[in-house]
Amino acid sequence: MSHNSFDPGLHCQLPKQDGKMSFEEFCGHKSRYELAFEAIDKNGDGFVSKSEFKKICPNLTPEQTEAAFAKFDLVSSLRRFDA
């Protein structure tokens, strides 16, 4: 999953792209979504691999992990993820 497609809560929506600046953006601070993504993206490549994802969701079955990637990974054709 890329930074642009990742939904850190898996149930919440990413910030709106409405052209308005948040207070964090105005002050030059990262949003909570960016901070959450960076905490998960351990190698800093801008993608969350399946192994990184499994570390934050250890109780998911392999089928649930695959379902999450199928639903939220918008750029899978551009990047090969590790198992």
N, C-alpha and C. Protein backbone atom coordinates (compact mmCIF):
# COMPACT_ATOMS: atom_id res chain seq x y z
N MET A 1 0.84 -1.16 0.00
CA MET A 1 0.00 0.00 0.00
C MET A 1 0.89 1.23 0.00
N SER A 2 0.54 2.18 -0.77
CA SER A 2 1.34 3.39 -0.82
C SER A 2 0.82 4.40 0.19
N HIS A 3 1.62 5.41 0.44
CA HIS A 3 1.23 6.48 1.35
C HIS A 3 -0.09 7.09 0.91
N ASN A 4 -0.32 7.21 -0.39
CA ASN A 4 -1.54 7.83 -0.89
C ASN A 4 -2.76 6.94 -0.79
N SER A 5 -2.57 5.63 -0.68
CA SER A 5 -3.73 4.74 -0.62
C SER A 5 -3.97 4.17 0.77
N PHE A 6 -3.07 4.39 1.69
CA PHE A 6 -3.16 3.78 3.00
C PHE A 6 -4.20 4.47 3.87
N ASP A 7 -5.04 3.71 4.51
CA ASP A 7 -6.04 4.21 5.45
C ASP A 7 -5.65 3.68 6.82
N PRO A 8 -5.01 4.50 7.67
CA PRO A 8 -4.45 4.00 8.93
C PRO A 8 -5.45 3.35 9.86
N GLY A 9 -6.69 3.78 9.85
CA GLY A 9 -7.67 3.17 10.73
C GLY A 9 -8.45 2.06 10.07
N LEU A 10 -8.29 1.90 8.79
CA LEU A 10 -9.02 0.94 7.98
C LEU A 10 -10.52 1.17 8.04
N HIS A 11 -10.99 2.06 8.88
CA HIS A 11 -12.40 2.38 8.95
C HIS A 11 -12.63 3.88 8.82
N CYS A 12 -11.59 4.66 8.90
CA CYS A 12 -11.76 6.10 8.78
C CYS A 12 -11.30 6.54 7.40
N GLN A 13 -11.65 7.72 7.03
CA GLN A 13 -11.31 8.20 5.71
C GLN A 13 -10.09 9.09 5.78
N LEU A 14 -9.36 9.11 4.68
CA LEU A 14 -8.21 10.00 4.58
C LEU A 14 -8.69 11.43 4.50
N PRO A 15 -7.82 12.40 4.81
CA PRO A 15 -8.24 13.80 4.77
C PRO A 15 -8.80 14.16 3.40
N LYS A 16 -9.74 15.08 3.41
CA LYS A 16 -10.34 15.54 2.16
C LYS A 16 -9.32 16.30 1.35
N GLN A 17 -9.43 16.18 0.07
CA GLN A 17 -8.58 16.93 -0.85
C GLN A 17 -9.41 18.09 -1.38
N ASP A 18 -9.83 18.97 -0.48
CA ASP A 18 -10.74 20.05 -0.85
C ASP A 18 -10.05 21.37 -1.14
N GLY A 19 -8.72 21.37 -1.14
CA GLY A 19 -8.00 22.60 -1.41
C GLY A 19 -7.80 23.47 -0.19
N LYS A 20 -8.33 23.06 0.94
CA LYS A 20 -8.17 23.82 2.18
C LYS A 20 -7.01 23.25 2.97
N MET A 21 -6.29 24.12 3.64
CA MET A 21 -5.14 23.73 4.44
C MET A 21 -5.55 23.48 5.88
N SER A 22 -5.09 22.38 6.44
CA SER A 22 -5.35 22.12 7.85
C SER A 22 -4.38 22.96 8.68
N PHE A 23 -4.65 23.07 9.98
CA PHE A 23 -3.76 23.81 10.86
C PHE A 23 -2.36 23.21 10.85
N GLU A 24 -2.30 21.86 10.86
CA GLU A 24 -1.01 21.18 10.84
C GLU A 24 -0.22 21.51 9.58
N GLU A 25 -0.92 21.48 8.44
CA GLU A 25 -0.26 21.82 7.17
C GLU A 25 0.22 23.26 7.18
N PHE A 26 -0.60 24.17 7.69
CA PHE A 26 -0.24 25.58 7.75
C PHE A 26 1.01 25.80 8.59
N CYS A 27 1.10 25.06 9.68
CA CYS A 27 2.25 25.21 10.58
C CYS A 27 3.45 24.38 10.15
N GLY A 28 3.30 23.61 9.09
CA GLY A 28 4.40 22.78 8.62
C GLY A 28 4.53 21.46 9.35
N HIS A 29 3.49 21.09 10.10
CA HIS A 29 3.50 19.83 10.84
C HIS A 29 2.84 18.75 10.01
N LYS A 30 3.24 17.52 10.26
CA LYS A 30 2.63 16.39 9.58
C LYS A 30 1.28 16.09 10.22
N SER A 31 0.35 15.63 9.39
CA SER A 31 -0.97 15.26 9.90
C SER A 31 -0.86 13.95 10.69
N ARG A 32 -1.88 13.63 11.42
CA ARG A 32 -1.87 12.38 12.19
C ARG A 32 -1.82 11.18 11.25
N TYR A 33 -2.38 11.33 10.05
CA TYR A 33 -2.33 10.25 9.07
C TYR A 33 -0.91 10.02 8.57
N GLU A 34 -0.21 11.12 8.30
CA GLU A 34 1.18 11.01 7.85
C GLU A 34 2.05 10.40 8.94
N LEU A 35 1.86 10.83 10.18
CA LEU A 35 2.63 10.29 11.29
C LEU A 35 2.35 8.81 11.49
N ALA A 36 1.08 8.42 11.39
CA ALA A 36 0.72 7.00 11.53
C ALA A 36 1.34 6.18 10.41
N PHE A 37 1.26 6.69 9.19
CA PHE A 37 1.82 5.97 8.06
C PHE A 37 3.33 5.79 8.23
N GLU A 38 4.01 6.86 8.61
CA GLU A 38 5.47 6.78 8.78
C GLU A 38 5.85 5.82 9.90
N ALA A 39 5.03 5.71 10.94
CA ALA A 39 5.31 4.77 12.03
C ALA A 39 5.20 3.33 11.55
N ILE A 40 4.34 3.09 10.60
CA ILE A 40 4.15 1.73 10.07
C ILE A 40 5.16 1.42 8.98
N ASP A 41 5.49 2.40 8.15
CA ASP A 41 6.42 2.23 7.03
C ASP A 41 7.85 2.26 7.58
N LYS A 42 8.27 1.17 8.17
CA LYS A 42 9.55 1.11 8.88
C LYS A 42 10.77 1.38 8.00
N ASN A 43 10.73 0.94 6.74
CA ASN A 43 11.91 1.15 5.90
C ASN A 43 11.86 2.48 5.15
N GLY A 44 10.77 3.24 5.31
CA GLY A 44 10.70 4.57 4.75
C GLY A 44 10.62 4.65 3.23
N ASP A 45 10.13 3.58 2.60
CA ASP A 45 10.08 3.59 1.13
C ASP A 45 8.78 4.16 0.57
N GLY A 46 7.89 4.61 1.45
CA GLY A 46 6.63 5.18 1.00
C GLY A 46 5.55 4.15 0.75
N PHE A 47 5.81 2.91 1.11
CA PHE A 47 4.85 1.82 0.95
C PHE A 47 4.77 1.04 2.25
N VAL A 48 3.63 0.44 2.52
CA VAL A 48 3.48 -0.48 3.65
C VAL A 48 3.44 -1.88 3.06
N SER A 49 4.47 -2.65 3.36
CA SER A 49 4.53 -4.03 2.86
C SER A 49 3.63 -4.91 3.71
N LYS A 50 3.39 -6.10 3.23
CA LYS A 50 2.58 -7.03 4.02
C LYS A 50 3.26 -7.37 5.33
N SER A 51 4.58 -7.48 5.33
CA SER A 51 5.28 -7.80 6.58
C SER A 51 5.15 -6.64 7.57
N GLU A 52 5.23 -5.40 7.10
CA GLU A 52 5.04 -4.24 7.99
C GLU A 52 3.60 -4.21 8.50
N PHE A 53 2.67 -4.50 7.62
CA PHE A 53 1.25 -4.51 7.99
C PHE A 53 0.97 -5.58 9.04
N LYS A 54 1.56 -6.76 8.86
CA LYS A 54 1.35 -7.86 9.80
C LYS A 54 1.87 -7.52 11.20
N LYS A 55 2.91 -6.70 11.27
CA LYS A 55 3.45 -6.32 12.58
C LYS A 55 2.48 -5.45 13.37
N ILE A 56 1.67 -4.65 12.68
CA ILE A 56 0.72 -3.81 13.41
C ILE A 56 -0.63 -4.47 13.57
N CYS A 57 -0.87 -5.54 12.83
CA CYS A 57 -2.13 -6.29 12.90
C CYS A 57 -1.83 -7.79 13.04
N PRO A 58 -1.16 -8.18 14.12
CA PRO A 58 -0.72 -9.57 14.24
C PRO A 58 -1.85 -10.58 14.40
N ASN A 59 -3.03 -10.14 14.76
CA ASN A 59 -4.14 -11.07 14.98
C ASN A 59 -4.96 -11.35 13.73
N LEU A 60 -4.64 -10.69 12.62
CA LEU A 60 -5.36 -10.95 11.39
C LEU A 60 -4.91 -12.28 10.78
N THR A 61 -5.85 -12.98 10.21
CA THR A 61 -5.52 -14.22 9.49
C THR A 61 -4.89 -13.84 8.15
N PRO A 62 -4.20 -14.77 7.51
CA PRO A 62 -3.67 -14.47 6.17
C PRO A 62 -4.77 -14.02 5.20
N GLU A 63 -5.95 -14.60 5.32
CA GLU A 63 -7.07 -14.22 4.45
C GLU A 63 -7.49 -12.77 4.71
N GLN A 64 -7.52 -12.37 5.98
CA GLN A 64 -7.89 -10.99 6.32
C GLN A 64 -6.84 -10.00 5.83
N THR A 65 -5.57 -10.39 5.94
CA THR A 65 -4.49 -9.53 5.44
C THR A 65 -4.63 -9.36 3.93
N GLU A 66 -4.87 -10.46 3.22
CA GLU A 66 -5.05 -10.38 1.77
C GLU A 66 -6.25 -9.52 1.41
N ALA A 67 -7.33 -9.65 2.19
CA ALA A 67 -8.54 -8.85 1.93
C ALA A 67 -8.27 -7.36 2.13
N ALA A 68 -7.50 -7.04 3.18
CA ALA A 68 -7.15 -5.63 3.43
C ALA A 68 -6.32 -5.08 2.28
N PHE A 69 -5.35 -5.84 1.81
CA PHE A 69 -4.52 -5.37 0.69
C PHE A 69 -5.34 -5.27 -0.59
N ALA A 70 -6.24 -6.22 -0.80
CA ALA A 70 -7.09 -6.17 -2.00
C ALA A 70 -7.97 -4.93 -1.99
N LYS A 71 -8.43 -4.55 -0.80
CA LYS A 71 -9.34 -3.39 -0.70
C LYS A 71 -8.60 -2.06 -0.72
N PHE A 72 -7.48 -1.96 -0.02
CA PHE A 72 -6.84 -0.66 0.18
C PHE A 72 -5.59 -0.42 -0.65
N ASP A 73 -5.04 -1.44 -1.26
CA ASP A 73 -3.83 -1.27 -2.04
C ASP A 73 -4.20 -0.81 -3.45
N LEU A 74 -4.10 0.48 -3.68
CA LEU A 74 -4.50 1.06 -4.95
C LEU A 74 -3.40 1.02 -6.01
N VAL A 75 -2.19 0.67 -5.60
CA VAL A 75 -1.07 0.69 -6.55
C VAL A 75 -0.35 -0.65 -6.61
N SER A 76 -1.05 -1.74 -6.38
CA SER A 76 -0.39 -3.05 -6.34
C SER A 76 0.28 -3.39 -7.66
N SER A 77 -0.23 -2.89 -8.75
CA SER A 77 0.40 -3.20 -10.03
C SER A 77 1.73 -2.47 -10.20
N LEU A 78 1.98 -1.47 -9.37
CA LEU A 78 3.22 -0.70 -9.47
C LEU A 78 4.31 -1.22 -8.55
N ARG A 79 3.94 -2.01 -7.57
CA ARG A 79 4.89 -2.41 -6.53
C ARG A 79 4.65 -3.85 -6.15
N ARG A 80 5.70 -4.61 -5.99
CA ARG A 80 5.57 -5.99 -5.54
C ARG A 80 5.79 -6.01 -4.04
N PHE A 81 4.85 -6.59 -3.30
CA PHE A 81 4.93 -6.60 -1.84
C PHE A 81 5.51 -7.93 -1.37
N ASP A 82 6.24 -7.86 -0.29
CA ASP A 82 6.81 -9.09 0.28
C ASP A 82 5.74 -9.82 1.07
N ALA A 83 5.97 -11.07 1.34
CA ALA A 83 4.98 -11.90 2.05
C ALA A 83 5.10 -11.82 3.53
